[in-house]
């Protein structure tokens, strides 16, 4: 009878089997269940002696992290975490949250409309009470709709107003380049697409004659005060775009924890990330190794306006990633 490999403790074998199987499952193209929650505790420990991590991009988890029910999670973009820490936008009070690291991901939140609408600014939508038919990302990426709502409110209206004016808001799940979104915009079934992930659809939208609405300096200053960063949809990167378009930044995937998270957990998390960096693929460059040197300090691709947890900062400094 064949048993476990010699030298592998049962207490190690059992969790590693589950973790490795789960890792394979979330990478399978036909397995859509990818928001994973992982909990670890010492055998025989009480329910309070549990460390939990959640792989999701849902900003609702921020409150669970603050309460210590989840010890590490992540979300996109960095601006969402900044708003949470400042208690701005969709957050009614500041959240006690710290960063562990941030994955670089350069992106912007943009507002594209068909030229047939005659619209040239977000302000004009409010002034005309325009019955816009707009597609925006749905529940798979709740940050998109939440942050778009903040930007629209800064211009005097919201998504609900569009419906009240006779328009319609479609909360679509696929990326904007999907036929159910850009295809409908090109056919005239919808008037606008509000979204991020600009690298997969902005050039197509520009070539189809859609206009990206520029945010003016006054509104950008207001949004900056809340916690956004200015962004730009660059003509050089998107063929068909007539000019650069000022907008708000949607960059970065911060990994975060509570400001009161135990130091031993944060250090263990950072240590594991460094040890396994060659086995954690990331999409920005196609390289396998996590770019840890870019993940613990502020940059254009990885905006870091939320302080690092002291234990994370100490670890990254000890490893030479922070000068």
Foldseek 3Di string as FASTA:
>chain_A
DDDPPPPQDPVRVVVVVVVVVLVVQLPDPVRPPNFDKDKDADVPDDPVRIEMETEAADPVCLVVQLVVVYFKYKHWDPLSLQLQQCQDQPGNHHGQKAFLWWAFAWKFWWKKFACVVVDQALLVCVVVLALFAEEEAADRHVVQQSVVQSLSVLSPDGPVSSVVSVHHYHHDHDDCVDCVHVVCCLVVVGTIYTYMPCLRPVLVSLVSRIDIHADDPVSQVVVVVSRWAKDWDQCVRHPNHPGIGIGTITAIMTMMGGLPRDLVVSLVVVVVCQVCQQCPCDDPPRHRGRPRLRIQDDDNRHHDPGHHRVSSVVNCVVVPSDD
